[in-house]
């Protein structure tokens, strides 16, 4: 003998339909959460690269300020990758201002190329006419990973 259910057949199907709709809404909500998480990670990566560029540019600015006599030697055209300078300048008094600038610039460019994807470094040096000084503009461009968007940072230093 079969026992009859007290709920009609239509009510059971309606309950199953409600569960399916709830699962669909939950799945769509989870997709939104995942998309927000991915965008947050991308923004965090972009901010990290921007912070690295600011720090690296400030490092070279400090080097230029510490070696004002060699300011003109810090000039660097876009796309130029420097070779290792012959002098190491590891002993005090071993190098002049131009050699120190070459060592500083090479080391700085290598750190930039390691830290930022597809980085391009530029340093423009302009002599100030009314004084024995220079304006040095340090520019760094790089490509944001996965998006192909170019970002940049520039700072100007007066020696």
C-alpha atoms as a PDB file:
ATOM      1  CA  UNK A   1       0.000   0.000   0.000  1.00  0.00           C
ATOM      2  CA  UNK A   2       1.333   3.405  -0.993  1.00  0.00           C
ATOM      3  CA  UNK A   3       1.158   6.339   1.236  1.00  0.00           C
ATOM      4  CA  UNK A   4      -0.164   9.493  -0.298  1.00  0.00           C
ATOM      5  CA  UNK A   5       1.620  12.791   0.260  1.00  0.00           C
ATOM      6  CA  UNK A   6      -0.493  15.530   1.704  1.00  0.00           C
ATOM      7  CA  UNK A   7       1.110  18.184  -0.598  1.00  0.00           C
ATOM      8  CA  UNK A   8      -0.140  18.309  -4.170  1.00  0.00           C
ATOM      9  CA  UNK A   9       2.339  17.705  -6.995  1.00  0.00           C
ATOM     10  CA  UNK A  10       2.283  21.367  -8.188  1.00  0.00           C
ATOM     11  CA  UNK A  11       3.468  22.684  -4.808  1.00  0.00           C
ATOM     12  CA  UNK A  12       6.558  20.440  -4.791  1.00  0.00           C
ATOM     13  CA  UNK A  13       7.560  21.617  -8.290  1.00  0.00           C
ATOM     14  CA  UNK A  14       7.058  25.232  -7.301  1.00  0.00           C
ATOM     15  CA  UNK A  15       9.386  24.771  -4.309  1.00  0.00           C
ATOM     16  CA  UNK A  16      12.067  23.261  -6.547  1.00  0.00           C
ATOM     17  CA  UNK A  17      11.689  26.204  -8.939  1.00  0.00           C
ATOM     18  CA  UNK A  18      12.190  28.642  -6.069  1.00  0.00           C
ATOM     19  CA  UNK A  19      15.407  26.855  -5.062  1.00  0.00           C
ATOM     20  CA  UNK A  20      16.724  27.033  -8.641  1.00  0.00           C
ATOM     21  CA  UNK A  21      15.935  30.754  -8.870  1.00  0.00           C
ATOM     22  CA  UNK A  22      17.669  31.376  -5.526  1.00  0.00           C
ATOM     23  CA  UNK A  23      20.746  29.466  -6.706  1.00  0.00           C
ATOM     24  CA  UNK A  24      20.826  31.473  -9.941  1.00  0.00           C
ATOM     25  CA  UNK A  25      20.639  34.756  -7.995  1.00  0.00           C
ATOM     26  CA  UNK A  26      23.386  33.551  -5.646  1.00  0.00           C
ATOM     27  CA  UNK A  27      25.600  32.573  -8.613  1.00  0.00           C
ATOM     28  CA  UNK A  28      25.159  36.004 -10.227  1.00  0.00           C
ATOM     29  CA  UNK A  29      25.985  37.676  -6.922  1.00  0.00           C
ATOM     30  CA  UNK A  30      29.119  35.574  -6.529  1.00  0.00           C
ATOM     31  CA  UNK A  31      30.230  36.557 -10.045  1.00  0.00           C
ATOM     32  CA  UNK A  32      29.890  40.198  -9.029  1.00  0.00           C
ATOM     33  CA  UNK A  33      31.965  39.611  -5.902  1.00  0.00           C
ATOM     34  CA  UNK A  34      34.669  37.843  -7.935  1.00  0.00           C
ATOM     35  CA  UNK A  35      34.740  40.683 -10.487  1.00  0.00           C
ATOM     36  CA  UNK A  36      35.121  43.238  -7.676  1.00  0.00           C
ATOM     37  CA  UNK A  37      37.932  41.182  -6.143  1.00  0.00           C
ATOM     38  CA  UNK A  38      39.803  40.968  -9.452  1.00  0.00           C
ATOM     39  CA  UNK A  39      39.428  44.720 -10.020  1.00  0.00           C
ATOM     40  CA  UNK A  40      40.668  45.382  -6.481  1.00  0.00           C
ATOM     41  CA  UNK A  41      43.750  43.243  -7.080  1.00  0.00           C
ATOM     42  CA  UNK A  42      44.426  45.044 -10.369  1.00  0.00           C
ATOM     43  CA  UNK A  43      44.113  48.444  -8.679  1.00  0.00           C
ATOM     44  CA  UNK A  44      46.444  47.293  -5.907  1.00  0.00           C
ATOM     45  CA  UNK A  45      49.040  46.200  -8.489  1.00  0.00           C
ATOM     46  CA  UNK A  46      48.733  49.528 -10.329  1.00  0.00           C
ATOM     47  CA  UNK A  47      49.196  51.441  -7.065  1.00  0.00           C
ATOM     48  CA  UNK A  48      52.229  49.339  -6.193  1.00  0.00           C
ATOM     49  CA  UNK A  49      53.846  50.101  -9.563  1.00  0.00           C
ATOM     50  CA  UNK A  50      53.061  53.814  -9.206  1.00  0.00           C
ATOM     51  CA  UNK A  51      54.601  53.820  -5.736  1.00  0.00           C
ATOM     52  CA  UNK A  52      57.727  52.076  -7.053  1.00  0.00           C
ATOM     53  CA  UNK A  53      58.057  54.680  -9.835  1.00  0.00           C
ATOM     54  CA  UNK A  54      57.769  57.556  -7.356  1.00  0.00           C
ATOM     55  CA  UNK A  55      60.392  56.014  -5.080  1.00  0.00           C
ATOM     56  CA  UNK A  56      62.785  55.297  -7.943  1.00  0.00           C
ATOM     57  CA  UNK A  57      62.462  58.804  -9.389  1.00  0.00           C
ATOM     58  CA  UNK A  58      63.053  60.320  -5.948  1.00  0.00           C
ATOM     59  CA  UNK A  59      66.171  58.145  -5.555  1.00  0.00           C
ATOM     60  CA  UNK A  60      67.697  59.542  -8.742  1.00  0.00           C
ATOM     61  CA  UNK A  61      66.664  63.068  -7.755  1.00  0.00           C
ATOM     62  CA  UNK A  62      68.572  62.623  -4.490  1.00  0.00           C
ATOM     63  CA  UNK A  63      71.627  61.378  -6.405  1.00  0.00           C
ATOM     64  CA  UNK A  64      71.512  64.404  -8.709  1.00  0.00           C
ATOM     65  CA  UNK A  65      71.210  66.774  -5.740  1.00  0.00           C
ATOM     66  CA  UNK A  66      74.208  65.067  -4.118  1.00  0.00           C
ATOM     67  CA  UNK A  67      76.306  65.504  -7.291  1.00  0.00           C
ATOM     68  CA  UNK A  68      75.383  68.947  -8.686  1.00  0.00           C
ATOM     69  CA  UNK A  69      78.703  69.292 -10.537  1.00  0.00           C
ATOM     70  CA  UNK A  70      77.799  66.261 -12.652  1.00  0.00           C
ATOM     71  CA  UNK A  71      74.165  67.222 -13.267  1.00  0.00           C
ATOM     72  CA  UNK A  72      74.616  67.521 -17.042  1.00  0.00           C
ATOM     73  CA  UNK A  73      75.939  63.934 -17.187  1.00  0.00           C
ATOM     74  CA  UNK A  74      72.622  62.547 -15.937  1.00  0.00           C
ATOM     75  CA  UNK A  75      70.924  63.215 -19.304  1.00  0.00           C
ATOM     76  CA  UNK A  76      69.290  60.093 -20.736  1.00  0.00           C
ATOM     77  CA  UNK A  77      67.277  59.809 -23.939  1.00  0.00           C
ATOM     78  CA  UNK A  78      64.144  57.669 -24.211  1.00  0.00           C
ATOM     79  CA  UNK A  79      64.851  54.105 -25.232  1.00  0.00           C
ATOM     80  CA  UNK A  80      68.539  54.226 -24.294  1.00  0.00           C
ATOM     81  CA  UNK A  81      69.689  51.296 -22.190  1.00  0.00           C
ATOM     82  CA  UNK A  82      72.991  52.112 -20.531  1.00  0.00           C
ATOM     83  CA  UNK A  83      75.951  49.772 -20.502  1.00  0.00           C
ATOM     84  CA  UNK A  84      77.847  49.102 -17.297  1.00  0.00           C
ATOM     85  CA  UNK A  85      80.226  52.030 -16.672  1.00  0.00           C
ATOM     86  CA  UNK A  86      83.948  51.206 -16.563  1.00  0.00           C
ATOM     87  CA  UNK A  87      84.502  52.861 -13.182  1.00  0.00           C
ATOM     88  CA  UNK A  88      82.901  51.486 -10.017  1.00  0.00           C
ATOM     89  CA  UNK A  89      83.546  54.545  -7.845  1.00  0.00           C
ATOM     90  CA  UNK A  90      83.831  52.350  -4.770  1.00  0.00           C
ATOM     91  CA  UNK A  91      86.736  54.281  -3.262  1.00  0.00           C
ATOM     92  CA  UNK A  92      86.322  57.882  -2.084  1.00  0.00           C
ATOM     93  CA  UNK A  93      88.059  60.258  -4.488  1.00  0.00           C
ATOM     94  CA  UNK A  94      88.424  57.594  -7.195  1.00  0.00           C
ATOM     95  CA  UNK A  95      85.885  59.202  -9.538  1.00  0.00           C
ATOM     96  CA  UNK A  96      84.968  62.676 -10.671  1.00  0.00           C
ATOM     97  CA  UNK A  97      81.458  64.080 -10.931  1.00  0.00           C
ATOM     98  CA  UNK A  98      80.844  62.675 -14.435  1.00  0.00           C
ATOM     99  CA  UNK A  99      81.908  59.133 -13.483  1.00  0.00           C
ATOM    100  CA  UNK A 100      79.748  59.259 -10.367  1.00  0.00           C
ATOM    101  CA  UNK A 101      76.795  60.353 -12.514  1.00  0.00           C
ATOM    102  CA  UNK A 102      77.401  57.436 -14.904  1.00  0.00           C
ATOM    103  CA  UNK A 103      77.449  54.919 -12.041  1.00  0.00           C
ATOM    104  CA  UNK A 104      74.369  56.473 -10.402  1.00  0.00           C
ATOM    105  CA  UNK A 105      72.407  56.574 -13.656  1.00  0.00           C
ATOM    106  CA  UNK A 106      73.262  53.012 -14.685  1.00  0.00           C
ATOM    107  CA  UNK A 107      72.368  51.549 -11.274  1.00  0.00           C
ATOM    108  CA  UNK A 108      69.136  53.536 -11.167  1.00  0.00           C
ATOM    109  CA  UNK A 109      68.089  52.479 -14.669  1.00  0.00           C
ATOM    110  CA  UNK A 110      68.720  48.813 -13.834  1.00  0.00           C
ATOM    111  CA  UNK A 111      66.498  49.088 -10.728  1.00  0.00           C
ATOM    112  CA  UNK A 112      63.743  50.739 -12.804  1.00  0.00           C
ATOM    113  CA  UNK A 113      63.913  48.038 -15.492  1.00  0.00           C
ATOM    114  CA  UNK A 114      63.664  45.330 -12.812  1.00  0.00           C
ATOM    115  CA  UNK A 115      60.782  46.962 -10.920  1.00  0.00           C
ATOM    116  CA  UNK A 116      58.489  48.169 -13.711  1.00  0.00           C
ATOM    117  CA  UNK A 117      57.173  46.226 -16.731  1.00  0.00           C
ATOM    118  CA  UNK A 118      58.341  47.524 -20.116  1.00  0.00           C
ATOM    119  CA  UNK A 119      59.880  50.595 -18.474  1.00  0.00           C
ATOM    120  CA  UNK A 120      61.308  53.528 -20.402  1.00  0.00           C
ATOM    121  CA  UNK A 121      63.556  55.993 -18.559  1.00  0.00           C
ATOM    122  CA  UNK A 122      64.188  59.582 -19.628  1.00  0.00           C
ATOM    123  CA  UNK A 123      66.218  62.316 -17.940  1.00  0.00           C
ATOM    124  CA  UNK A 124      66.250  65.732 -19.576  1.00  0.00           C
ATOM    125  CA  UNK A 125      68.755  68.278 -18.332  1.00  0.00           C
ATOM    126  CA  UNK A 126      68.295  71.978 -19.033  1.00  0.00           C
ATOM    127  CA  UNK A 127      70.835  74.592 -18.016  1.00  0.00           C
ATOM    128  CA  UNK A 128      69.393  77.527 -16.101  1.00  0.00           C
ATOM    129  CA  UNK A 129      70.650  80.645 -17.907  1.00  0.00           C
ATOM    130  CA  UNK A 130      70.782  83.083 -15.005  1.00  0.00           C
ATOM    131  CA  UNK A 131      72.653  80.737 -12.638  1.00  0.00           C
ATOM    132  CA  UNK A 132      75.114  77.887 -12.581  1.00  0.00           C
ATOM    133  CA  UNK A 133      72.355  75.363 -12.157  1.00  0.00           C
ATOM    134  CA  UNK A 134      70.368  72.754 -14.034  1.00  0.00           C
ATOM    135  CA  UNK A 135      66.777  71.610 -14.170  1.00  0.00           C
ATOM    136  CA  UNK A 136      66.644  67.825 -14.416  1.00  0.00           C
ATOM    137  CA  UNK A 137      63.334  66.203 -15.304  1.00  0.00           C
ATOM    138  CA  UNK A 138      63.211  62.504 -14.469  1.00  0.00           C
ATOM    139  CA  UNK A 139      60.494  60.602 -16.344  1.00  0.00           C
ATOM    140  CA  UNK A 140      59.537  56.950 -16.102  1.00  0.00           C
ATOM    141  CA  UNK A 141      56.950  55.243 -18.333  1.00  0.00           C
ATOM    142  CA  UNK A 142      55.761  51.670 -18.009  1.00  0.00           C
ATOM    143  CA  UNK A 143      52.964  49.425 -19.260  1.00  0.00           C
ATOM    144  CA  UNK A 144      50.315  48.206 -16.842  1.00  0.00           C
ATOM    145  CA  UNK A 145      50.419  44.413 -16.717  1.00  0.00           C
ATOM    146  CA  UNK A 146      47.613  42.690 -18.603  1.00  0.00           C
ATOM    147  CA  UNK A 147      45.941  45.860 -19.867  1.00  0.00           C
ATOM    148  CA  UNK A 148      48.439  47.456 -22.229  1.00  0.00           C
ATOM    149  CA  UNK A 149      47.792  50.862 -20.651  1.00  0.00           C
ATOM    150  CA  UNK A 150      50.830  53.125 -20.362  1.00  0.00           C
ATOM    151  CA  UNK A 151      51.421  54.941 -17.079  1.00  0.00           C
ATOM    152  CA  UNK A 152      54.061  57.519 -16.274  1.00  0.00           C
ATOM    153  CA  UNK A 153      55.595  59.597 -13.523  1.00  0.00           C
ATOM    154  CA  UNK A 154      57.885  62.633 -13.756  1.00  0.00           C
ATOM    155  CA  UNK A 155      59.677  64.826 -11.264  1.00  0.00           C
ATOM    156  CA  UNK A 156      61.840  67.913 -11.807  1.00  0.00           C
ATOM    157  CA  UNK A 157      64.894  68.729  -9.707  1.00  0.00           C
ATOM    158  CA  UNK A 158      66.918  71.927  -9.618  1.00  0.00           C
ATOM    159  CA  UNK A 159      70.574  71.602  -8.750  1.00  0.00           C
END
